[in-house]
Amino acid sequence: MTIETLLKTLSELRAIGDRLPALPSPSPLHAPTFHERAAPESIESLEASFFSPLPDDYSSFLAVCGGFDAMDIFNGYYLQPPQFVERQMAQGANFSSVYVHGHSEPALPIGGNGGGDLFFLVPTRGVWRVSHAILSTGGEPIELSSGQWGVTNVGSSFLSFLERIQRDWLHFVNDPDSPWEYSCG
C-alpha cells in the first residue's frame, strides 16, 4: 500500500460524494462529511488499547482522514474516528475481538451502516460486515467464517475495503437502479 493510493482513493470518494446532492431524489441528498485527520495521540491511544500495531493502511488513513459519514448513499456508510472506535471496543469482547476457527483474534469496530451493522477490521482477515442481529452475543466475540449467517467479508485489507466503498459510491451515483451488492448491506 502506498500513501499515494490511499490519497487518490480518498480524493475520488470526495469527488463522488460531491455529486450526491445533484441526484434526483424525493428528499434532498447530502454529500458525505469527511472528518479532519486524527491527532497522532488519538491514533497512538487506539493502538495501545488494541494491544497490537494497527494495520499500516488503516493508521495511514486515520493520519489523513479521521473518518467519514455518508448516510445518504444506499444504506449509509460511516467510518468512525479513533476515539469512537475505542469507546465501542470498551463495550465488551464482542466489540474488540472475533473468533476465527475457534481462536480469538483482535478486531476493531471501525464503522458501520445506517441499519446498525458494524464493520470490523481484523488485521489478519480484512474487513467484515457483521449484522446487528448477531452483535448481542452475550458479550462473546462473533465467529467469522464465510458460512456464518450475518457475517460478510467486504475487503481483504482496509485499503481494499476503501476501494470497494469507492466502487459502491460510483455505482450509486452512476447507475442506482441496476442490481449491485453494496458492501454496506
N, C-alpha and C. Protein backbone atom coordinates (compact mmCIF):
# COMPACT_ATOMS: atom_id res chain seq x y z
N MET A 1 0.83 -1.17 0.00
CA MET A 1 0.00 0.00 0.00
C MET A 1 0.88 1.24 0.00
N THR A 2 0.53 2.14 -0.86
CA THR A 2 1.25 3.40 -0.85
C THR A 2 0.31 4.50 -0.38
N ILE A 3 0.89 5.52 0.21
CA ILE A 3 0.09 6.65 0.66
C ILE A 3 -0.56 7.33 -0.54
N GLU A 4 0.11 7.26 -1.70
CA GLU A 4 -0.46 7.86 -2.91
C GLU A 4 -1.77 7.18 -3.29
N THR A 5 -1.82 5.85 -3.18
CA THR A 5 -3.04 5.11 -3.49
C THR A 5 -4.15 5.49 -2.53
N LEU A 6 -3.82 5.59 -1.27
CA LEU A 6 -4.80 5.97 -0.25
C LEU A 6 -5.33 7.38 -0.52
N LEU A 7 -4.44 8.33 -0.78
CA LEU A 7 -4.85 9.70 -1.03
C LEU A 7 -5.70 9.81 -2.30
N LYS A 8 -5.34 9.04 -3.32
CA LYS A 8 -6.11 9.04 -4.57
C LYS A 8 -7.52 8.50 -4.32
N THR A 9 -7.63 7.42 -3.57
CA THR A 9 -8.93 6.83 -3.26
C THR A 9 -9.79 7.81 -2.47
N LEU A 10 -9.21 8.46 -1.46
CA LEU A 10 -9.95 9.45 -0.68
C LEU A 10 -10.40 10.62 -1.54
N SER A 11 -9.53 11.08 -2.43
CA SER A 11 -9.88 12.18 -3.32
C SER A 11 -11.05 11.79 -4.22
N GLU A 12 -11.02 10.57 -4.73
CA GLU A 12 -12.11 10.10 -5.59
C GLU A 12 -13.41 9.93 -4.80
N LEU A 13 -13.32 9.47 -3.55
CA LEU A 13 -14.51 9.37 -2.71
C LEU A 13 -15.13 10.76 -2.49
N ARG A 14 -14.30 11.74 -2.22
CA ARG A 14 -14.81 13.11 -2.03
C ARG A 14 -15.49 13.62 -3.30
N ALA A 15 -14.87 13.37 -4.45
CA ALA A 15 -15.44 13.84 -5.72
C ALA A 15 -16.77 13.15 -6.01
N ILE A 16 -16.84 11.86 -5.76
CA ILE A 16 -18.10 11.13 -5.97
C ILE A 16 -19.16 11.67 -5.01
N GLY A 17 -18.79 11.83 -3.76
CA GLY A 17 -19.73 12.33 -2.76
C GLY A 17 -20.27 13.71 -3.09
N ASP A 18 -19.43 14.55 -3.69
CA ASP A 18 -19.86 15.90 -4.05
C ASP A 18 -20.97 15.88 -5.10
N ARG A 19 -21.09 14.79 -5.84
CA ARG A 19 -22.13 14.67 -6.88
C ARG A 19 -23.49 14.31 -6.28
N LEU A 20 -23.50 13.83 -5.05
CA LEU A 20 -24.72 13.31 -4.43
C LEU A 20 -25.87 14.32 -4.38
N PRO A 21 -25.65 15.56 -3.93
CA PRO A 21 -26.79 16.49 -3.82
C PRO A 21 -27.51 16.77 -5.15
N ALA A 22 -26.85 16.57 -6.27
CA ALA A 22 -27.46 16.84 -7.58
C ALA A 22 -28.30 15.68 -8.09
N LEU A 23 -28.27 14.53 -7.42
CA LEU A 23 -29.03 13.36 -7.89
C LEU A 23 -30.52 13.56 -7.65
N PRO A 24 -31.34 13.07 -8.60
CA PRO A 24 -32.79 13.15 -8.37
C PRO A 24 -33.19 12.28 -7.18
N SER A 25 -34.01 12.82 -6.30
CA SER A 25 -34.43 12.10 -5.11
C SER A 25 -35.68 12.75 -4.55
N PRO A 26 -36.59 11.96 -3.94
CA PRO A 26 -37.78 12.57 -3.34
C PRO A 26 -37.45 13.50 -2.17
N SER A 27 -36.31 13.28 -1.54
CA SER A 27 -35.87 14.19 -0.47
C SER A 27 -34.40 14.56 -0.75
N PRO A 28 -33.97 15.70 -0.24
CA PRO A 28 -32.60 16.15 -0.53
C PRO A 28 -31.55 15.15 -0.06
N LEU A 29 -30.54 14.94 -0.88
CA LEU A 29 -29.40 14.10 -0.51
C LEU A 29 -28.24 15.00 -0.11
N HIS A 30 -27.49 14.55 0.88
CA HIS A 30 -26.36 15.33 1.39
C HIS A 30 -25.04 14.65 1.04
N ALA A 31 -24.07 15.46 0.68
CA ALA A 31 -22.74 14.93 0.40
C ALA A 31 -22.15 14.36 1.68
N PRO A 32 -21.31 13.35 1.56
CA PRO A 32 -20.64 12.81 2.75
C PRO A 32 -19.82 13.88 3.47
N THR A 33 -19.68 13.71 4.76
CA THR A 33 -18.85 14.58 5.58
C THR A 33 -17.57 13.82 5.92
N PHE A 34 -16.45 14.41 5.60
CA PHE A 34 -15.15 13.80 5.90
C PHE A 34 -14.56 14.50 7.11
N HIS A 35 -14.11 13.72 8.08
CA HIS A 35 -13.52 14.27 9.30
C HIS A 35 -12.08 14.72 9.04
N GLU A 36 -11.64 15.63 9.86
CA GLU A 36 -10.23 16.04 9.83
C GLU A 36 -9.36 14.84 10.20
N ARG A 37 -8.11 14.91 9.83
CA ARG A 37 -7.19 13.83 10.19
C ARG A 37 -7.19 13.64 11.71
N ALA A 38 -6.98 12.43 12.13
CA ALA A 38 -6.94 12.13 13.57
C ALA A 38 -5.62 12.63 14.15
N ALA A 39 -5.68 13.12 15.35
CA ALA A 39 -4.47 13.56 16.03
C ALA A 39 -3.57 12.35 16.29
N PRO A 40 -2.26 12.53 16.17
CA PRO A 40 -1.35 11.40 16.40
C PRO A 40 -1.58 10.71 17.75
N GLU A 41 -1.89 11.51 18.80
CA GLU A 41 -2.11 10.89 20.12
C GLU A 41 -3.40 10.04 20.14
N SER A 42 -4.39 10.38 19.31
CA SER A 42 -5.60 9.56 19.21
C SER A 42 -5.30 8.22 18.56
N ILE A 43 -4.47 8.26 17.53
CA ILE A 43 -4.07 7.02 16.85
C ILE A 43 -3.24 6.16 17.80
N GLU A 44 -2.31 6.79 18.53
CA GLU A 44 -1.48 6.05 19.49
C GLU A 44 -2.32 5.45 20.60
N SER A 45 -3.32 6.17 21.07
CA SER A 45 -4.19 5.67 22.13
C SER A 45 -4.99 4.46 21.64
N LEU A 46 -5.50 4.55 20.41
CA LEU A 46 -6.23 3.41 19.84
C LEU A 46 -5.32 2.20 19.72
N GLU A 47 -4.12 2.42 19.23
CA GLU A 47 -3.17 1.32 19.09
C GLU A 47 -2.86 0.69 20.45
N ALA A 48 -2.72 1.51 21.49
CA ALA A 48 -2.44 1.00 22.84
C ALA A 48 -3.62 0.18 23.37
N SER A 49 -4.84 0.63 23.12
CA SER A 49 -5.99 -0.13 23.61
C SER A 49 -6.24 -1.38 22.76
N PHE A 50 -5.70 -1.41 21.56
CA PHE A 50 -5.84 -2.56 20.67
C PHE A 50 -4.81 -3.65 21.02
N PHE A 51 -3.80 -3.30 21.78
CA PHE A 51 -2.73 -4.22 22.21
C PHE A 51 -1.98 -4.84 21.04
N SER A 52 -1.97 -4.15 19.93
CA SER A 52 -1.32 -4.66 18.74
C SER A 52 -1.12 -3.48 17.78
N PRO A 53 -0.11 -3.54 16.94
CA PRO A 53 0.03 -2.45 15.97
C PRO A 53 -1.19 -2.41 15.03
N LEU A 54 -1.62 -1.21 14.69
CA LEU A 54 -2.70 -1.06 13.73
C LEU A 54 -2.16 -1.40 12.34
N PRO A 55 -2.99 -1.96 11.47
CA PRO A 55 -2.54 -2.19 10.10
C PRO A 55 -2.08 -0.85 9.47
N ASP A 56 -1.01 -0.89 8.70
CA ASP A 56 -0.43 0.33 8.12
C ASP A 56 -1.44 1.13 7.31
N ASP A 57 -2.26 0.43 6.51
CA ASP A 57 -3.20 1.17 5.66
C ASP A 57 -4.26 1.89 6.50
N TYR A 58 -4.67 1.28 7.60
CA TYR A 58 -5.67 1.91 8.47
C TYR A 58 -5.07 3.10 9.23
N SER A 59 -3.87 2.93 9.79
CA SER A 59 -3.26 4.05 10.52
C SER A 59 -2.92 5.19 9.57
N SER A 60 -2.54 4.88 8.33
CA SER A 60 -2.29 5.93 7.33
C SER A 60 -3.58 6.67 7.00
N PHE A 61 -4.68 5.94 6.89
CA PHE A 61 -5.98 6.56 6.65
C PHE A 61 -6.31 7.54 7.77
N LEU A 62 -6.18 7.08 9.02
CA LEU A 62 -6.50 7.94 10.16
C LEU A 62 -5.62 9.19 10.19
N ALA A 63 -4.38 9.05 9.73
CA ALA A 63 -3.46 10.19 9.74
C ALA A 63 -3.83 11.26 8.71
N VAL A 64 -4.64 10.89 7.71
CA VAL A 64 -5.04 11.88 6.70
C VAL A 64 -6.54 12.16 6.71
N CYS A 65 -7.33 11.27 7.31
CA CYS A 65 -8.79 11.43 7.37
C CYS A 65 -9.28 10.66 8.58
N GLY A 66 -9.86 11.35 9.54
CA GLY A 66 -10.29 10.68 10.77
C GLY A 66 -11.54 9.85 10.63
N GLY A 67 -12.12 9.78 9.44
CA GLY A 67 -13.34 9.01 9.21
C GLY A 67 -14.28 9.80 8.33
N PHE A 68 -15.46 9.25 8.06
CA PHE A 68 -16.47 9.98 7.29
C PHE A 68 -17.86 9.45 7.61
N ASP A 69 -18.85 10.27 7.27
CA ASP A 69 -20.26 9.91 7.38
C ASP A 69 -20.89 10.11 6.01
N ALA A 70 -21.49 9.06 5.51
CA ALA A 70 -22.14 9.10 4.19
C ALA A 70 -23.46 8.36 4.29
N MET A 71 -24.37 8.90 5.06
CA MET A 71 -25.61 8.19 5.37
C MET A 71 -26.65 8.25 4.25
N ASP A 72 -26.44 9.09 3.23
CA ASP A 72 -27.39 9.16 2.12
C ASP A 72 -27.00 8.29 0.93
N ILE A 73 -25.95 7.53 1.05
CA ILE A 73 -25.55 6.61 -0.02
C ILE A 73 -26.03 5.22 0.34
N PHE A 74 -26.99 4.72 -0.43
CA PHE A 74 -27.64 3.44 -0.25
C PHE A 74 -28.08 3.26 1.20
N ASN A 75 -27.51 2.29 1.92
CA ASN A 75 -27.90 2.00 3.31
C ASN A 75 -27.06 2.79 4.32
N GLY A 76 -26.23 3.69 3.82
CA GLY A 76 -25.39 4.51 4.68
C GLY A 76 -24.05 3.86 4.99
N TYR A 77 -23.05 4.70 5.13
CA TYR A 77 -21.70 4.27 5.48
C TYR A 77 -21.15 5.25 6.50
N TYR A 78 -20.42 4.75 7.46
CA TYR A 78 -19.62 5.64 8.30
C TYR A 78 -18.37 4.90 8.73
N LEU A 79 -17.27 5.64 8.78
CA LEU A 79 -16.02 5.16 9.37
C LEU A 79 -15.74 6.13 10.50
N GLN A 80 -15.61 5.60 11.70
CA GLN A 80 -15.57 6.46 12.87
C GLN A 80 -14.15 6.84 13.28
N PRO A 81 -14.03 8.02 13.92
CA PRO A 81 -12.73 8.47 14.42
C PRO A 81 -12.20 7.51 15.50
N PRO A 82 -10.89 7.52 15.73
CA PRO A 82 -10.28 6.56 16.65
C PRO A 82 -10.88 6.56 18.06
N GLN A 83 -11.25 7.74 18.58
CA GLN A 83 -11.80 7.77 19.93
C GLN A 83 -13.16 7.05 20.00
N PHE A 84 -13.94 7.06 18.92
CA PHE A 84 -15.21 6.34 18.89
C PHE A 84 -14.96 4.83 18.79
N VAL A 85 -13.94 4.45 18.02
CA VAL A 85 -13.57 3.03 17.93
C VAL A 85 -13.20 2.52 19.32
N GLU A 86 -12.40 3.31 20.04
CA GLU A 86 -12.00 2.91 21.40
C GLU A 86 -13.20 2.76 22.33
N ARG A 87 -14.12 3.71 22.26
CA ARG A 87 -15.31 3.62 23.12
C ARG A 87 -16.13 2.38 22.82
N GLN A 88 -16.25 2.06 21.54
CA GLN A 88 -17.02 0.88 21.18
C GLN A 88 -16.31 -0.40 21.63
N MET A 89 -14.99 -0.43 21.51
CA MET A 89 -14.23 -1.59 21.96
C MET A 89 -14.42 -1.82 23.46
N ALA A 90 -14.59 -0.75 24.22
CA ALA A 90 -14.74 -0.86 25.68
C ALA A 90 -16.08 -1.47 26.08
N GLN A 91 -17.00 -1.63 25.13
CA GLN A 91 -18.31 -2.21 25.44
C GLN A 91 -18.26 -3.71 25.71
N GLY A 92 -17.18 -4.37 25.34
CA GLY A 92 -17.06 -5.79 25.63
C GLY A 92 -16.30 -6.55 24.56
N ALA A 93 -16.03 -7.81 24.86
CA ALA A 93 -15.25 -8.65 23.95
C ALA A 93 -15.88 -8.78 22.58
N ASN A 94 -17.22 -8.71 22.51
CA ASN A 94 -17.86 -8.84 21.20
C ASN A 94 -17.65 -7.60 20.33
N PHE A 95 -17.04 -6.55 20.88
CA PHE A 95 -16.71 -5.36 20.09
C PHE A 95 -15.21 -5.15 19.95
N SER A 96 -14.39 -6.06 20.45
CA SER A 96 -12.95 -5.88 20.37
C SER A 96 -12.20 -7.13 19.91
N SER A 97 -12.94 -8.21 19.68
CA SER A 97 -12.29 -9.43 19.19
C SER A 97 -13.32 -10.28 18.46
N VAL A 98 -12.82 -11.24 17.70
CA VAL A 98 -13.66 -12.19 16.97
C VAL A 98 -13.03 -13.56 17.11
N TYR A 99 -13.82 -14.58 16.83
CA TYR A 99 -13.28 -15.93 16.75
C TYR A 99 -13.10 -16.31 15.29
N VAL A 100 -11.96 -16.90 15.00
CA VAL A 100 -11.69 -17.43 13.67
C VAL A 100 -11.25 -18.87 13.89
N HIS A 101 -12.07 -19.81 13.43
CA HIS A 101 -11.80 -21.24 13.64
C HIS A 101 -11.55 -21.53 15.12
N GLY A 102 -12.37 -20.90 15.99
CA GLY A 102 -12.29 -21.16 17.42
C GLY A 102 -11.21 -20.42 18.17
N HIS A 103 -10.40 -19.63 17.48
CA HIS A 103 -9.32 -18.87 18.13
C HIS A 103 -9.66 -17.39 18.13
N SER A 104 -9.44 -16.73 19.26
CA SER A 104 -9.73 -15.31 19.39
C SER A 104 -8.67 -14.47 18.68
N GLU A 105 -9.15 -13.45 17.94
CA GLU A 105 -8.26 -12.51 17.27
C GLU A 105 -8.76 -11.10 17.56
N PRO A 106 -7.85 -10.14 17.71
CA PRO A 106 -8.29 -8.76 17.96
C PRO A 106 -9.02 -8.19 16.75
N ALA A 107 -10.00 -7.33 17.01
CA ALA A 107 -10.79 -6.71 15.95
C ALA A 107 -11.11 -5.28 16.33
N LEU A 108 -11.19 -4.43 15.34
CA LEU A 108 -11.53 -3.02 15.54
C LEU A 108 -12.88 -2.73 14.91
N PRO A 109 -13.85 -2.22 15.67
CA PRO A 109 -15.14 -1.83 15.09
C PRO A 109 -15.00 -0.45 14.44
N ILE A 110 -14.54 -0.43 13.18
CA ILE A 110 -14.13 0.82 12.54
C ILE A 110 -15.28 1.66 11.99
N GLY A 111 -16.46 1.08 11.86
CA GLY A 111 -17.58 1.83 11.30
C GLY A 111 -18.80 0.97 11.17
N GLY A 112 -19.70 1.40 10.31
CA GLY A 112 -20.92 0.64 10.13
C GLY A 112 -21.78 1.23 9.04
N ASN A 113 -23.07 0.84 9.08
CA ASN A 113 -24.03 1.36 8.11
C ASN A 113 -25.23 1.93 8.83
N GLY A 114 -26.20 2.41 8.08
CA GLY A 114 -27.37 3.03 8.67
C GLY A 114 -28.34 2.06 9.29
N GLY A 115 -28.12 0.77 9.12
CA GLY A 115 -29.02 -0.23 9.68
C GLY A 115 -28.51 -0.87 10.96
N GLY A 116 -27.40 -0.39 11.50
CA GLY A 116 -26.88 -0.92 12.76
C GLY A 116 -25.84 -2.01 12.62
N ASP A 117 -25.51 -2.40 11.37
CA ASP A 117 -24.44 -3.37 11.17
C ASP A 117 -23.10 -2.67 11.40
N LEU A 118 -22.08 -3.46 11.77
CA LEU A 118 -20.76 -2.89 12.01
C LEU A 118 -19.74 -3.47 11.05
N PHE A 119 -18.73 -2.66 10.76
CA PHE A 119 -17.57 -3.13 10.00
C PHE A 119 -16.45 -3.37 11.01
N PHE A 120 -15.92 -4.58 11.02
CA PHE A 120 -14.80 -4.94 11.89
C PHE A 120 -13.55 -5.13 11.04
N LEU A 121 -12.46 -4.47 11.44
CA LEU A 121 -11.17 -4.67 10.82
C LEU A 121 -10.41 -5.69 11.66
N VAL A 122 -10.12 -6.83 11.05
CA VAL A 122 -9.34 -7.89 11.69
C VAL A 122 -8.02 -7.94 10.92
N PRO A 123 -6.91 -7.53 11.55
CA PRO A 123 -5.66 -7.38 10.81
C PRO A 123 -5.27 -8.57 9.94
N THR A 124 -5.50 -9.78 10.39
CA THR A 124 -5.10 -10.95 9.61
C THR A 124 -6.18 -11.43 8.64
N ARG A 125 -7.38 -10.83 8.69
CA ARG A 125 -8.52 -11.34 7.91
C ARG A 125 -9.24 -10.29 7.08
N GLY A 126 -8.85 -9.02 7.18
CA GLY A 126 -9.51 -7.98 6.41
C GLY A 126 -10.68 -7.36 7.15
N VAL A 127 -11.63 -6.82 6.39
CA VAL A 127 -12.79 -6.12 6.95
C VAL A 127 -14.03 -6.97 6.73
N TRP A 128 -14.83 -7.06 7.78
CA TRP A 128 -16.05 -7.87 7.78
C TRP A 128 -17.24 -7.03 8.20
N ARG A 129 -18.36 -7.19 7.49
CA ARG A 129 -19.61 -6.57 7.92
C ARG A 129 -20.34 -7.59 8.77
N VAL A 130 -20.73 -7.17 9.98
CA VAL A 130 -21.42 -8.06 10.91
C VAL A 130 -22.81 -7.49 11.16
N SER A 131 -23.82 -8.31 10.94
CA SER A 131 -25.20 -7.88 11.10
C SER A 131 -25.50 -7.50 12.55
N HIS A 132 -26.30 -6.46 12.69
CA HIS A 132 -26.72 -6.03 14.02
C HIS A 132 -27.48 -7.14 14.74
N ALA A 133 -28.08 -8.05 13.98
CA ALA A 133 -28.87 -9.12 14.58
C ALA A 133 -28.03 -10.13 15.37
N ILE A 134 -26.73 -10.18 15.10
CA ILE A 134 -25.89 -11.13 15.86
C ILE A 134 -24.86 -10.43 16.74
N LEU A 135 -24.94 -9.10 16.84
CA LEU A 135 -23.96 -8.39 17.65
C LEU A 135 -24.13 -8.63 19.14
N SER A 136 -25.37 -8.86 19.61
CA SER A 136 -25.50 -9.14 21.04
C SER A 136 -25.38 -10.62 21.26
N THR A 137 -24.17 -11.00 21.52
CA THR A 137 -23.85 -12.42 21.72
C THR A 137 -23.55 -12.68 23.18
N GLY A 138 -24.19 -11.93 24.07
CA GLY A 138 -23.91 -12.09 25.49
C GLY A 138 -22.50 -11.70 25.84
N GLY A 139 -21.92 -10.80 25.04
CA GLY A 139 -20.56 -10.34 25.32
C GLY A 139 -19.48 -11.21 24.70
N GLU A 140 -19.87 -12.31 24.07
CA GLU A 140 -18.89 -13.19 23.43
C GLU A 140 -18.54 -12.70 22.03
N PRO A 141 -17.28 -12.86 21.63
CA PRO A 141 -16.91 -12.48 20.26
C PRO A 141 -17.69 -13.29 19.22
N ILE A 142 -17.82 -12.72 18.05
CA ILE A 142 -18.53 -13.33 16.93
C ILE A 142 -17.59 -14.24 16.17
N GLU A 143 -18.11 -15.35 15.67
CA GLU A 143 -17.33 -16.26 14.83
C GLU A 143 -17.33 -15.73 13.41
N LEU A 144 -16.14 -15.52 12.85
CA LEU A 144 -16.03 -15.09 11.45
C LEU A 144 -15.74 -16.31 10.59
N SER A 145 -16.63 -16.58 9.70
CA SER A 145 -16.39 -17.61 8.69
C SER A 145 -17.29 -17.31 7.52
N SER A 146 -16.88 -17.76 6.35
CA SER A 146 -17.64 -17.43 5.15
C SER A 146 -19.04 -18.04 5.16
N GLY A 147 -19.28 -19.07 5.95
CA GLY A 147 -20.59 -19.68 6.00
C GLY A 147 -21.47 -19.17 7.13
N GLN A 148 -20.95 -18.29 7.98
CA GLN A 148 -21.68 -17.79 9.13
C GLN A 148 -22.75 -16.80 8.70
N TRP A 149 -24.00 -17.01 9.15
CA TRP A 149 -25.06 -16.07 8.83
C TRP A 149 -24.78 -14.72 9.45
N GLY A 150 -25.01 -13.65 8.68
CA GLY A 150 -24.86 -12.30 9.19
C GLY A 150 -23.44 -11.77 9.18
N VAL A 151 -22.51 -12.52 8.58
CA VAL A 151 -21.11 -12.12 8.55
C VAL A 151 -20.64 -12.18 7.08
N THR A 152 -20.13 -11.05 6.59
CA THR A 152 -19.70 -10.97 5.19
C THR A 152 -18.35 -10.29 5.10
N ASN A 153 -17.41 -10.92 4.41
CA ASN A 153 -16.11 -10.29 4.18
C ASN A 153 -16.30 -9.23 3.09
N VAL A 154 -15.89 -7.99 3.38
CA VAL A 154 -16.07 -6.90 2.43
C VAL A 154 -14.75 -6.27 1.99
N GLY A 155 -13.64 -6.89 2.36
CA GLY A 155 -12.33 -6.42 1.91
C GLY A 155 -11.23 -7.24 2.54
N SER A 156 -10.22 -7.57 1.75
CA SER A 156 -9.11 -8.38 2.27
C SER A 156 -8.15 -7.55 3.12
N SER A 157 -8.27 -6.22 3.04
CA SER A 157 -7.47 -5.29 3.84
C SER A 157 -8.30 -4.02 4.00
N PHE A 158 -7.82 -3.09 4.80
CA PHE A 158 -8.55 -1.84 4.94
C PHE A 158 -8.60 -1.10 3.61
N LEU A 159 -7.47 -1.03 2.90
CA LEU A 159 -7.44 -0.30 1.63
C LEU A 159 -8.36 -0.95 0.60
N SER A 160 -8.39 -2.28 0.54
CA SER A 160 -9.29 -2.92 -0.42
C SER A 160 -10.75 -2.65 -0.05
N PHE A 161 -11.05 -2.53 1.24
CA PHE A 161 -12.39 -2.16 1.68
C PHE A 161 -12.71 -0.73 1.24
N LEU A 162 -11.78 0.19 1.41
CA LEU A 162 -11.99 1.57 0.99
C LEU A 162 -12.21 1.64 -0.53
N GLU A 163 -11.46 0.86 -1.28
CA GLU A 163 -11.64 0.81 -2.73
C GLU A 163 -12.99 0.21 -3.10
N ARG A 164 -13.45 -0.74 -2.31
CA ARG A 164 -14.79 -1.32 -2.52
C ARG A 164 -15.87 -0.27 -2.27
N ILE A 165 -15.70 0.53 -1.22
CA ILE A 165 -16.65 1.62 -0.95
C ILE A 165 -16.68 2.58 -2.13
N GLN A 166 -15.51 2.87 -2.68
CA GLN A 166 -15.43 3.76 -3.84
C GLN A 166 -16.26 3.19 -5.01
N ARG A 167 -16.14 1.90 -5.28
CA ARG A 167 -16.94 1.29 -6.35
C ARG A 167 -18.43 1.34 -6.03
N ASP A 168 -18.79 1.11 -4.75
CA ASP A 168 -20.20 1.22 -4.34
C ASP A 168 -20.74 2.62 -4.62
N TRP A 169 -19.99 3.63 -4.20
CA TRP A 169 -20.46 5.01 -4.36
C TRP A 169 -20.58 5.36 -5.84
N LEU A 170 -19.61 4.92 -6.65
CA LEU A 170 -19.69 5.17 -8.09
C LEU A 170 -20.96 4.56 -8.67
N HIS A 171 -21.24 3.34 -8.28
CA HIS A 171 -22.45 2.68 -8.78
C HIS A 171 -23.68 3.47 -8.34
N PHE A 172 -23.71 3.90 -7.10
CA PHE A 172 -24.87 4.61 -6.57
C PHE A 172 -25.14 5.90 -7.34
N VAL A 173 -24.10 6.66 -7.68
CA VAL A 173 -24.34 7.93 -8.38
C VAL A 173 -24.50 7.74 -9.89
N ASN A 174 -23.92 6.68 -10.47
CA ASN A 174 -23.98 6.48 -11.92
C ASN A 174 -25.14 5.61 -12.38
N ASP A 175 -25.50 4.60 -11.60
CA ASP A 175 -26.49 3.63 -12.07
C ASP A 175 -27.24 3.01 -10.89
N PRO A 176 -27.92 3.82 -10.08
CA PRO A 176 -28.51 3.31 -8.84
C PRO A 176 -29.64 2.29 -9.03
N ASP A 177 -30.22 2.24 -10.22
CA ASP A 177 -31.35 1.33 -10.42
C ASP A 177 -30.95 -0.06 -10.90
N SER A 178 -29.69 -0.24 -11.25
CA SER A 178 -29.26 -1.58 -11.68
C SER A 178 -28.80 -2.39 -10.47
N PRO A 179 -28.89 -3.73 -10.56
CA PRO A 179 -28.51 -4.58 -9.42
C PRO A 179 -27.04 -4.37 -9.02
N TRP A 180 -26.82 -4.42 -7.70
CA TRP A 180 -25.45 -4.23 -7.17
C TRP A 180 -25.46 -4.74 -5.74
N GLU A 181 -24.42 -5.42 -5.35
CA GLU A 181 -24.30 -5.86 -3.96
C GLU A 181 -23.38 -4.88 -3.23
N TYR A 182 -23.99 -3.97 -2.50
CA TYR A 182 -23.23 -2.95 -1.77
C TYR A 182 -22.55 -3.57 -0.55
N SER A 183 -21.35 -3.07 -0.25
CA SER A 183 -20.61 -3.59 0.91
C SER A 183 -21.29 -3.22 2.22
N CYS A 184 -22.14 -2.19 2.20
CA CYS A 184 -22.82 -1.79 3.44
C CYS A 184 -24.08 -2.62 3.69
N GLY A 185 -24.42 -3.51 2.79
CA GLY A 185 -25.55 -4.40 3.02
C GLY A 185 -26.81 -4.05 2.32
